[in-house]
C-alpha cells in the first residue's frame, strides 16, 4: 500500500513534468499544424507575403540612402569618382 502511493506520486510528478515540457516546446501545436495542410499552407503564405513586403521596403530605404550619399559625393566635385557617380545617378533618374 505504501509503495503504491509513492509510485503514484512519482508517476504524477513525471506526468506533470512531461506536460510542462510538451507545452513549453509547443509540440502539440506543431503536431496540430503539421496535421492540417491548409493551416500550414495559409501560415506559410502569410509569412512569405510579410517577408517579401519587408524585403521590398528595406531594399527601397537602403537604395534611397545610397543614392542620397552618392549625390552628396557628386556635389563635392571629386574629379574621377564624381563624374562616374553622376553618370550612374542620371541613368537611374532617366529610367525612373
PDB file of N, CA and C in Angstrom:
ATOM      1  N   UNK A   1       0.822  -1.180   0.000  1.00  0.00           N
ATOM      2  CA  UNK A   1       0.000   0.000   0.000  1.00  0.00           C
ATOM      3  C   UNK A   1       0.871   1.250   0.000  1.00  0.00           C
ATOM      4  N   UNK A   2       1.897   1.270   0.847  1.00  0.00           N
ATOM      5  CA  UNK A   2       2.785   2.422   0.960  1.00  0.00           C
ATOM      6  C   UNK A   2       3.583   2.613  -0.336  1.00  0.00           C
ATOM      7  N   UNK A   3       4.061   1.504  -0.929  1.00  0.00           N
ATOM      8  CA  UNK A   3       4.820   1.570  -2.176  1.00  0.00           C
ATOM      9  C   UNK A   3       3.944   2.082  -3.318  1.00  0.00           C
ATOM     10  N   UNK A   4       2.672   1.706  -3.285  1.00  0.00           N
ATOM     11  CA  UNK A   4       1.751   2.121  -4.332  1.00  0.00           C
ATOM     12  C   UNK A   4       1.559   3.634  -4.309  1.00  0.00           C
ATOM     13  N   UNK A   5       1.435   4.232  -3.138  1.00  0.00           N
ATOM     14  CA  UNK A   5       1.254   5.674  -3.022  1.00  0.00           C
ATOM     15  C   UNK A   5       2.515   6.418  -3.467  1.00  0.00           C
ATOM     16  N   UNK A   6       3.671   5.904  -3.119  1.00  0.00           N
ATOM     17  CA  UNK A   6       4.929   6.518  -3.551  1.00  0.00           C
ATOM     18  C   UNK A   6       5.051   6.445  -5.066  1.00  0.00           C
ATOM     19  N   UNK A   7       4.685   5.264  -5.617  1.00  0.00           N
ATOM     20  CA  UNK A   7       4.734   5.082  -7.072  1.00  0.00           C
ATOM     21  C   UNK A   7       3.773   6.053  -7.767  1.00  0.00           C
ATOM     22  N   UNK A   8       2.571   6.217  -7.203  1.00  0.00           N
ATOM     23  CA  UNK A   8       1.589   7.145  -7.784  1.00  0.00           C
ATOM     24  C   UNK A   8       2.096   8.582  -7.739  1.00  0.00           C
ATOM     25  N   UNK A   9       2.733   8.980  -6.662  1.00  0.00           N
ATOM     26  CA  UNK A   9       3.266  10.336  -6.546  1.00  0.00           C
ATOM     27  C   UNK A   9       4.375  10.576  -7.573  1.00  0.00           C
ATOM     28  N   UNK A  10       5.243   9.586  -7.709  1.00  0.00           N
ATOM     29  CA  UNK A  10       6.338   9.709  -8.685  1.00  0.00           C
ATOM     30  C   UNK A  10       5.765   9.771 -10.102  1.00  0.00           C
ATOM     31  N   UNK A  11       4.775   8.911 -10.361  1.00  0.00           N
ATOM     32  CA  UNK A  11       4.148   8.887 -11.682  1.00  0.00           C
ATOM     33  C   UNK A  11       3.444  10.219 -11.965  1.00  0.00           C
ATOM     34  N   UNK A  12       2.727  10.748 -11.014  1.00  0.00           N
ATOM     35  CA  UNK A  12       2.034  12.020 -11.171  1.00  0.00           C
ATOM     36  C   UNK A  12       3.041  13.154 -11.409  1.00  0.00           C
ATOM     37  N   UNK A  13       4.138  13.133 -10.685  1.00  0.00           N
ATOM     38  CA  UNK A  13       5.168  14.149 -10.853  1.00  0.00           C
ATOM     39  C   UNK A  13       5.761  14.079 -12.259  1.00  0.00           C
ATOM     40  N   UNK A  14       6.013  12.859 -12.740  1.00  0.00           N
ATOM     41  CA  UNK A  14       6.556  12.693 -14.094  1.00  0.00           C
ATOM     42  C   UNK A  14       5.563  13.143 -15.170  1.00  0.00           C
ATOM     43  N   UNK A  15       4.296  12.862 -14.960  1.00  0.00           N
ATOM     44  CA  UNK A  15       3.272  13.290 -15.919  1.00  0.00           C
ATOM     45  C   UNK A  15       3.183  14.818 -15.953  1.00  0.00           C
ATOM     46  N   UNK A  16       3.208  15.434 -14.815  1.00  0.00           N
ATOM     47  CA  UNK A  16       3.170  16.902 -14.750  1.00  0.00           C
ATOM     48  C   UNK A  16       4.402  17.491 -15.430  1.00  0.00           C
ATOM     49  N   UNK A  17       5.560  16.895 -15.180  1.00  0.00           N
ATOM     50  CA  UNK A  17       6.797  17.362 -15.806  1.00  0.00           C
ATOM     51  C   UNK A  17       6.740  17.198 -17.327  1.00  0.00           C
ATOM     52  N   UNK A  18       6.240  16.057 -17.795  1.00  0.00           N
ATOM     53  CA  UNK A  18       6.106  15.808 -19.231  1.00  0.00           C
ATOM     54  C   UNK A  18       5.125  16.802 -19.863  1.00  0.00           C
ATOM     55  N   UNK A  19       4.025  17.039 -19.194  1.00  0.00           N
ATOM     56  CA  UNK A  19       3.043  18.010 -19.685  1.00  0.00           C
ATOM     57  C   UNK A  19       3.670  19.402 -19.786  1.00  0.00           C
ATOM     58  N   UNK A  20       4.440  19.779 -18.790  1.00  0.00           N
ATOM     59  CA  UNK A  20       5.120  21.075 -18.813  1.00  0.00           C
ATOM     60  C   UNK A  20       6.096  21.164 -19.983  1.00  0.00           C
ATOM     61  N   UNK A  21       6.886  20.111 -20.188  1.00  0.00           N
ATOM     62  CA  UNK A  21       7.858  20.124 -21.286  1.00  0.00           C
ATOM     63  C   UNK A  21       7.179  20.186 -22.651  1.00  0.00           C
ATOM     64  N   UNK A  22       6.106  19.443 -22.826  1.00  0.00           N
ATOM     65  CA  UNK A  22       5.393  19.457 -24.100  1.00  0.00           C
ATOM     66  C   UNK A  22       4.747  20.817 -24.367  1.00  0.00           C
ATOM     67  N   UNK A  23       4.182  21.410 -23.348  1.00  0.00           N
ATOM     68  CA  UNK A  23       3.551  22.712 -23.541  1.00  0.00           C
ATOM     69  C   UNK A  23       4.604  23.800 -23.728  1.00  0.00           C
ATOM     70  N   UNK A  24       5.740  23.678 -23.090  1.00  0.00           N
ATOM     71  CA  UNK A  24       6.806  24.665 -23.237  1.00  0.00           C
ATOM     72  C   UNK A  24       7.383  24.627 -24.649  1.00  0.00           C
ATOM     73  N   UNK A  25       7.569  23.458 -25.185  1.00  0.00           N
ATOM     74  CA  UNK A  25       8.150  23.323 -26.521  1.00  0.00           C
ATOM     75  C   UNK A  25       7.098  23.382 -27.623  1.00  0.00           C
ATOM     76  N   UNK A  26       5.847  23.522 -27.250  1.00  0.00           N
ATOM     77  CA  UNK A  26       4.730  23.646 -28.189  1.00  0.00           C
ATOM     78  C   UNK A  26       4.669  22.489 -29.182  1.00  0.00           C
ATOM     79  N   UNK A  27       4.936  21.308 -28.693  1.00  0.00           N
ATOM     80  CA  UNK A  27       4.903  20.107 -29.523  1.00  0.00           C
ATOM     81  C   UNK A  27       3.482  19.836 -30.013  1.00  0.00           C
ATOM     82  N   UNK A  28       2.515  20.061 -29.145  1.00  0.00           N
ATOM     83  CA  UNK A  28       1.129  19.778 -29.504  1.00  0.00           C
ATOM     84  C   UNK A  28       0.690  20.705 -30.639  1.00  0.00           C
ATOM     85  N   UNK A  29       1.015  21.996 -30.543  1.00  0.00           N
ATOM     86  CA  UNK A  29       0.650  22.946 -31.597  1.00  0.00           C
ATOM     87  C   UNK A  29       1.343  22.594 -32.909  1.00  0.00           C
ATOM     88  N   UNK A  30       2.600  22.170 -32.829  1.00  0.00           N
ATOM     89  CA  UNK A  30       3.332  21.791 -34.031  1.00  0.00           C
ATOM     90  C   UNK A  30       2.707  20.565 -34.686  1.00  0.00           C
ATOM     91  N   UNK A  31       2.341  19.588 -33.889  1.00  0.00           N
ATOM     92  CA  UNK A  31       1.702  18.389 -34.432  1.00  0.00           C
ATOM     93  C   UNK A  31       0.355  18.740 -35.059  1.00  0.00           C
ATOM     94  N   UNK A  32      -0.373  19.648 -34.430  1.00  0.00           N
ATOM     95  CA  UNK A  32      -1.659  20.085 -34.978  1.00  0.00           C
ATOM     96  C   UNK A  32      -1.462  20.812 -36.304  1.00  0.00           C
ATOM     97  N   UNK A  33      -0.441  21.639 -36.370  1.00  0.00           N
ATOM     98  CA  UNK A  33      -0.157  22.391 -37.591  1.00  0.00           C
ATOM     99  C   UNK A  33       0.263  21.461 -38.729  1.00  0.00           C
ATOM    100  N   UNK A  34       1.110  20.499 -38.423  1.00  0.00           N
ATOM    101  CA  UNK A  34       1.553  19.555 -39.457  1.00  0.00           C
ATOM    102  C   UNK A  34       0.439  18.623 -39.899  1.00  0.00           C
ATOM    103  N   UNK A  35      -0.527  18.395 -39.033  1.00  0.00           N
ATOM    104  CA  UNK A  35      -1.648  17.534 -39.374  1.00  0.00           C
ATOM    105  C   UNK A  35      -2.713  18.244 -40.198  1.00  0.00           C
ATOM    106  N   UNK A  36      -2.620  19.566 -40.326  1.00  0.00           N
ATOM    107  CA  UNK A  36      -3.613  20.335 -41.062  1.00  0.00           C
ATOM    108  C   UNK A  36      -2.916  21.088 -42.197  1.00  0.00           C
ATOM    109  N   UNK A  37      -2.858  20.505 -43.402  1.00  0.00           N
ATOM    110  CA  UNK A  37      -2.110  21.132 -44.511  1.00  0.00           C
ATOM    111  C   UNK A  37      -2.630  22.512 -44.907  1.00  0.00           C
ATOM    112  N   UNK A  38      -3.948  22.733 -44.816  1.00  0.00           N
ATOM    113  CA  UNK A  38      -4.491  24.050 -45.178  1.00  0.00           C
ATOM    114  C   UNK A  38      -3.984  25.137 -44.238  1.00  0.00           C
ATOM    115  N   UNK A  39      -3.962  24.816 -42.959  1.00  0.00           N
ATOM    116  CA  UNK A  39      -3.482  25.771 -41.958  1.00  0.00           C
ATOM    117  C   UNK A  39      -1.991  26.058 -42.172  1.00  0.00           C
ATOM    118  N   UNK A  40      -1.222  25.019 -42.472  1.00  0.00           N
ATOM    119  CA  UNK A  40       0.210  25.169 -42.719  1.00  0.00           C
ATOM    120  C   UNK A  40       0.456  26.007 -43.968  1.00  0.00           C
ATOM    121  N   UNK A  41      -0.292  25.746 -45.029  1.00  0.00           N
ATOM    122  CA  UNK A  41      -0.156  26.499 -46.267  1.00  0.00           C
ATOM    123  C   UNK A  41      -0.508  27.972 -46.055  1.00  0.00           C
ATOM    124  N   UNK A  42      -1.595  28.230 -45.339  1.00  0.00           N
ATOM    125  CA  UNK A  42      -2.006  29.608 -45.079  1.00  0.00           C
ATOM    126  C   UNK A  42      -0.952  30.351 -44.268  1.00  0.00           C
ATOM    127  N   UNK A  43      -0.421  29.698 -43.232  1.00  0.00           N
ATOM    128  CA  UNK A  43       0.599  30.334 -42.395  1.00  0.00           C
ATOM    129  C   UNK A  43       1.861  30.651 -43.190  1.00  0.00           C
ATOM    130  N   UNK A  44       2.280  29.710 -44.031  1.00  0.00           N
ATOM    131  CA  UNK A  44       3.461  29.936 -44.854  1.00  0.00           C
ATOM    132  C   UNK A  44       3.220  31.021 -45.897  1.00  0.00           C
ATOM    133  N   UNK A  45       2.004  31.083 -46.433  1.00  0.00           N
ATOM    134  CA  UNK A  45       1.654  32.115 -47.399  1.00  0.00           C
ATOM    135  C   UNK A  45       1.744  33.502 -46.765  1.00  0.00           C
ATOM    136  N   UNK A  46       1.142  33.665 -45.605  1.00  0.00           N
ATOM    137  CA  UNK A  46       1.187  34.953 -44.900  1.00  0.00           C
ATOM    138  C   UNK A  46       2.630  35.302 -44.530  1.00  0.00           C
ATOM    139  N   UNK A  47       3.387  34.325 -44.103  1.00  0.00           N
ATOM    140  CA  UNK A  47       4.790  34.550 -43.765  1.00  0.00           C
ATOM    141  C   UNK A  47       5.576  35.014 -44.984  1.00  0.00           C
ATOM    142  N   UNK A  48       5.339  34.401 -46.126  1.00  0.00           N
ATOM    143  CA  UNK A  48       6.031  34.795 -47.355  1.00  0.00           C
ATOM    144  C   UNK A  48       5.680  36.205 -47.778  1.00  0.00           C
ATOM    145  N   UNK A  49       4.405  36.568 -47.671  1.00  0.00           N
ATOM    146  CA  UNK A  49       3.991  37.935 -48.013  1.00  0.00           C
ATOM    147  C   UNK A  49       4.674  38.931 -47.091  1.00  0.00           C
ATOM    148  N   UNK A  50       4.708  38.641 -45.797  1.00  0.00           N
ATOM    149  CA  UNK A  50       5.343  39.551 -44.835  1.00  0.00           C
ATOM    150  C   UNK A  50       6.825  39.730 -45.132  1.00  0.00           C
ATOM    151  N   UNK A  51       7.501  38.629 -45.404  1.00  0.00           N
ATOM    152  CA  UNK A  51       8.932  38.708 -45.689  1.00  0.00           C
ATOM    153  C   UNK A  51       9.191  39.488 -46.972  1.00  0.00           C
ATOM    154  N   UNK A  52       8.380  39.243 -48.004  1.00  0.00           N
ATOM    155  CA  UNK A  52       8.539  39.956 -49.266  1.00  0.00           C
ATOM    156  C   UNK A  52       8.299  41.444 -49.105  1.00  0.00           C
ATOM    157  N   UNK A  53       7.261  41.794 -48.346  1.00  0.00           N
ATOM    158  CA  UNK A  53       6.950  43.196 -48.096  1.00  0.00           C
ATOM    159  C   UNK A  53       8.089  43.869 -47.324  1.00  0.00           C
ATOM    160  N   UNK A  54       8.592  43.206 -46.306  1.00  0.00           N
ATOM    161  CA  UNK A  54       9.697  43.759 -45.518  1.00  0.00           C
ATOM    162  C   UNK A  54      10.962  43.900 -46.349  1.00  0.00           C
ATOM    163  N   UNK A  55      11.229  42.915 -47.193  1.00  0.00           N
ATOM    164  CA  UNK A  55      12.401  42.978 -48.065  1.00  0.00           C
ATOM    165  C   UNK A  55      12.280  44.150 -49.030  1.00  0.00           C
ATOM    166  N   UNK A  56      11.093  44.325 -49.612  1.00  0.00           N
ATOM    167  CA  UNK A  56      10.877  45.417 -50.560  1.00  0.00           C
ATOM    168  C   UNK A  56      11.067  46.775 -49.923  1.00  0.00           C
ATOM    169  N   UNK A  57      10.504  46.970 -48.739  1.00  0.00           N
ATOM    170  CA  UNK A  57      10.644  48.253 -48.048  1.00  0.00           C
ATOM    171  C   UNK A  57      12.095  48.477 -47.627  1.00  0.00           C
ATOM    172  N   UNK A  58      12.728  47.458 -47.094  1.00  0.00           N
ATOM    173  CA  UNK A  58      14.129  47.596 -46.682  1.00  0.00           C
ATOM    174  C   UNK A  58      15.042  47.918 -47.848  1.00  0.00           C
ATOM    175  N   UNK A  59      14.839  47.248 -48.981  1.00  0.00           N
ATOM    176  CA  UNK A  59      15.662  47.493 -50.158  1.00  0.00           C
ATOM    177  C   UNK A  59      15.450  48.913 -50.673  1.00  0.00           C
ATOM    178  N   UNK A  60      14.203  49.380 -50.650  1.00  0.00           N
ATOM    179  CA  UNK A  60      13.903  50.741 -51.098  1.00  0.00           C
ATOM    180  C   UNK A  60      14.592  51.773 -50.221  1.00  0.00           C
ATOM    181  N   UNK A  61      14.547  51.576 -48.919  1.00  0.00           N
ATOM    182  CA  UNK A  61      15.178  52.529 -47.994  1.00  0.00           C
ATOM    183  C   UNK A  61      16.687  52.535 -48.184  1.00  0.00           C
ATOM    184  N   UNK A  62      17.297  51.365 -48.274  1.00  0.00           N
ATOM    185  CA  UNK A  62      18.752  51.282 -48.466  1.00  0.00           C
ATOM    186  C   UNK A  62      19.158  51.928 -49.782  1.00  0.00           C
ATOM    187  N   UNK A  63      18.395  51.690 -50.843  1.00  0.00           N
ATOM    188  CA  UNK A  63      18.705  52.285 -52.138  1.00  0.00           C
ATOM    189  C   UNK A  63      18.590  53.799 -52.079  1.00  0.00           C
ATOM    190  N   UNK A  64      17.544  54.311 -51.430  1.00  0.00           N
ATOM    191  CA  UNK A  64      17.359  55.762 -51.313  1.00  0.00           C
ATOM    192  C   UNK A  64      18.510  56.394 -50.541  1.00  0.00           C
ATOM    193  N   UNK A  65      18.905  55.776 -49.455  1.00  0.00           N
ATOM    194  CA  UNK A  65      20.026  56.313 -48.659  1.00  0.00           C
ATOM    195  C   UNK A  65      21.307  56.289 -49.482  1.00  0.00           C
ATOM    196  N   UNK A  66      21.531  55.213 -50.220  1.00  0.00           N
ATOM    197  CA  UNK A  66      22.726  55.107 -51.056  1.00  0.00           C
ATOM    198  C   UNK A  66      22.735  56.201 -52.121  1.00  0.00           C
ATOM    199  N   UNK A  67      21.591  56.429 -52.772  1.00  0.00           N
ATOM    200  CA  UNK A  67      21.536  57.480 -53.784  1.00  0.00           C
ATOM    201  C   UNK A  67      21.765  58.869 -53.191  1.00  0.00           C
ATOM    202  N   UNK A  68      21.243  59.116 -52.009  1.00  0.00           N
ATOM    203  CA  UNK A  68      21.470  60.410 -51.350  1.00  0.00           C
ATOM    204  C   UNK A  68      22.954  60.600 -51.061  1.00  0.00           C
ATOM    205  N   UNK A  69      23.597  59.553 -50.553  1.00  0.00           N
ATOM    206  CA  UNK A  69      25.038  59.636 -50.271  1.00  0.00           C
ATOM    207  C   UNK A  69      25.818  59.864 -51.558  1.00  0.00           C
ATOM    208  N   UNK A  70      25.444  59.157 -52.625  1.00  0.00           N
ATOM    209  CA  UNK A  70      26.144  59.337 -53.901  1.00  0.00           C
ATOM    210  C   UNK A  70      25.950  60.751 -54.447  1.00  0.00           C
ATOM    211  N   UNK A  71      24.766  61.322 -54.282  1.00  0.00           N
ATOM    212  CA  UNK A  71      24.536  62.692 -54.732  1.00  0.00           C
ATOM    213  C   UNK A  71      25.392  63.671 -53.937  1.00  0.00           C
ATOM    214  N   UNK A  72      25.553  63.410 -52.652  1.00  0.00           N
ATOM    215  CA  UNK A  72      26.416  64.275 -51.829  1.00  0.00           C
ATOM    216  C   UNK A  72      27.867  64.192 -52.300  1.00  0.00           C
ATOM    217  N   UNK A  73      28.293  62.992 -52.691  1.00  0.00           N
ATOM    218  CA  UNK A  73      29.665  62.819 -53.186  1.00  0.00           C
ATOM    219  C   UNK A  73      29.848  63.590 -54.487  1.00  0.00           C
ATOM    220  N   UNK A  74      28.823  63.601 -55.349  1.00  0.00           N
ATOM    221  CA  UNK A  74      28.912  64.323 -56.619  1.00  0.00           C
ATOM    222  C   UNK A  74      29.076  65.817 -56.360  1.00  0.00           C
ATOM    223  N   UNK A  75      28.378  66.334 -55.341  1.00  0.00           N
ATOM    224  CA  UNK A  75      28.472  67.775 -55.061  1.00  0.00           C
ATOM    225  C   UNK A  75      29.844  68.165 -54.514  1.00  0.00           C
ATOM    226  N   UNK A  76      30.630  67.198 -54.070  1.00  0.00           N
ATOM    227  CA  UNK A  76      31.979  67.500 -53.585  1.00  0.00           C
ATOM    228  C   UNK A  76      32.960  67.711 -54.733  1.00  0.00           C
ATOM    229  N   UNK A  77      32.512  67.406 -55.957  1.00  0.00           N
ATOM    230  CA  UNK A  77      33.321  67.585 -57.170  1.00  0.00           C
ATOM    231  C   UNK A  77      34.646  66.840 -57.131  1.00  0.00           C
ATOM    232  N   UNK A  78      34.615  65.588 -56.707  1.00  0.00           N
ATOM    233  CA  UNK A  78      35.802  64.752 -56.795  1.00  0.00           C
ATOM    234  C   UNK A  78      35.929  64.356 -58.268  1.00  0.00           C
ATOM    235  N   UNK A  79      37.055  64.648 -58.923  1.00  0.00           N
ATOM    236  CA  UNK A  79      37.149  64.562 -60.382  1.00  0.00           C
ATOM    237  C   UNK A  79      36.706  63.232 -60.996  1.00  0.00           C
ATOM    238  N   UNK A  80      37.322  62.142 -60.678  1.00  0.00           N
ATOM    239  CA  UNK A  80      37.036  60.872 -61.354  1.00  0.00           C
ATOM    240  C   UNK A  80      35.782  60.220 -60.787  1.00  0.00           C
ATOM    241  N   UNK A  81      35.704  60.114 -59.490  1.00  0.00           N
ATOM    242  CA  UNK A  81      34.583  59.440 -58.840  1.00  0.00           C
ATOM    243  C   UNK A  81      33.290  60.227 -59.049  1.00  0.00           C
ATOM    244  N   UNK A  82      33.372  61.546 -58.955  1.00  0.00           N
ATOM    245  CA  UNK A  82      32.188  62.383 -59.083  1.00  0.00           C
ATOM    246  C   UNK A  82      31.503  62.203 -60.427  1.00  0.00           C
ATOM    247  N   UNK A  83      32.260  62.220 -61.519  1.00  0.00           N
ATOM    248  CA  UNK A  83      31.669  62.070 -62.853  1.00  0.00           C
ATOM    249  C   UNK A  83      31.054  60.679 -63.030  1.00  0.00           C
ATOM    250  N   UNK A  84      31.739  59.680 -62.537  1.00  0.00           N
ATOM    251  CA  UNK A  84      31.237  58.312 -62.642  1.00  0.00           C
ATOM    252  C   UNK A  84      29.909  58.167 -61.895  1.00  0.00           C
ATOM    253  N   UNK A  85      29.855  58.687 -60.687  1.00  0.00           N
ATOM    254  CA  UNK A  85      28.633  58.600 -59.878  1.00  0.00           C
ATOM    255  C   UNK A  85      27.526  59.442 -60.509  1.00  0.00           C
ATOM    256  N   UNK A  86      27.888  60.610 -61.070  1.00  0.00           N
ATOM    257  CA  UNK A  86      26.901  61.464 -61.730  1.00  0.00           C
ATOM    258  C   UNK A  86      26.251  60.726 -62.897  1.00  0.00           C
ATOM    259  N   UNK A  87      27.051  59.993 -63.656  1.00  0.00           N
ATOM    260  CA  UNK A  87      26.513  59.213 -64.768  1.00  0.00           C
ATOM    261  C   UNK A  87      25.542  58.134 -64.270  1.00  0.00           C
ATOM    262  N   UNK A  88      25.894  57.473 -63.176  1.00  0.00           N
ATOM    263  CA  UNK A  88      25.024  56.441 -62.606  1.00  0.00           C
ATOM    264  C   UNK A  88      23.707  57.053 -62.145  1.00  0.00           C
ATOM    265  N   UNK A  89      23.754  58.183 -61.469  1.00  0.00           N
ATOM    266  CA  UNK A  89      22.545  58.837 -60.980  1.00  0.00           C
ATOM    267  C   UNK A  89      21.663  59.265 -62.150  1.00  0.00           C
ATOM    268  N   UNK A  90      22.281  59.780 -63.204  1.00  0.00           N
ATOM    269  CA  UNK A  90      21.495  60.172 -64.386  1.00  0.00           C
ATOM    270  C   UNK A  90      20.775  58.985 -65.005  1.00  0.00           C
ATOM    271  N   UNK A  91      21.473  57.869 -65.105  1.00  0.00           N
ATOM    272  CA  UNK A  91      20.858  56.661 -65.672  1.00  0.00           C
ATOM    273  C   UNK A  91      19.682  56.205 -64.814  1.00  0.00           C
ATOM    274  N   UNK A  92      19.843  56.221 -63.512  1.00  0.00           N
ATOM    275  CA  UNK A  92      18.776  55.795 -62.608  1.00  0.00           C
ATOM    276  C   UNK A  92      17.592  56.740 -62.719  1.00  0.00           C
ATOM    277  N   UNK A  93      17.848  58.041 -62.753  1.00  0.00           N
ATOM    278  CA  UNK A  93      16.736  59.007 -62.824  1.00  0.00           C
ATOM    279  C   UNK A  93      16.038  58.961 -64.183  1.00  0.00           C
ATOM    280  N   UNK A  94      16.761  58.689 -65.242  1.00  0.00           N
ATOM    281  CA  UNK A  94      16.156  58.585 -66.566  1.00  0.00           C
ATOM    282  C   UNK A  94      15.225  57.373 -66.651  1.00  0.00           C
ATOM    283  N   UNK A  95      15.641  56.283 -66.048  1.00  0.00           N
ATOM    284  CA  UNK A  95      14.837  55.061 -66.090  1.00  0.00           C
ATOM    285  C   UNK A  95      13.712  55.058 -65.064  1.00  0.00           C
ATOM    286  N   UNK A  96      13.738  55.964 -64.161  1.00  0.00           N
ATOM    287  CA  UNK A  96      12.717  56.025 -63.107  1.00  0.00           C
ATOM    288  C   UNK A  96      11.545  56.715 -63.643  1.00  0.00           C
TER     289      UNK A  96
END
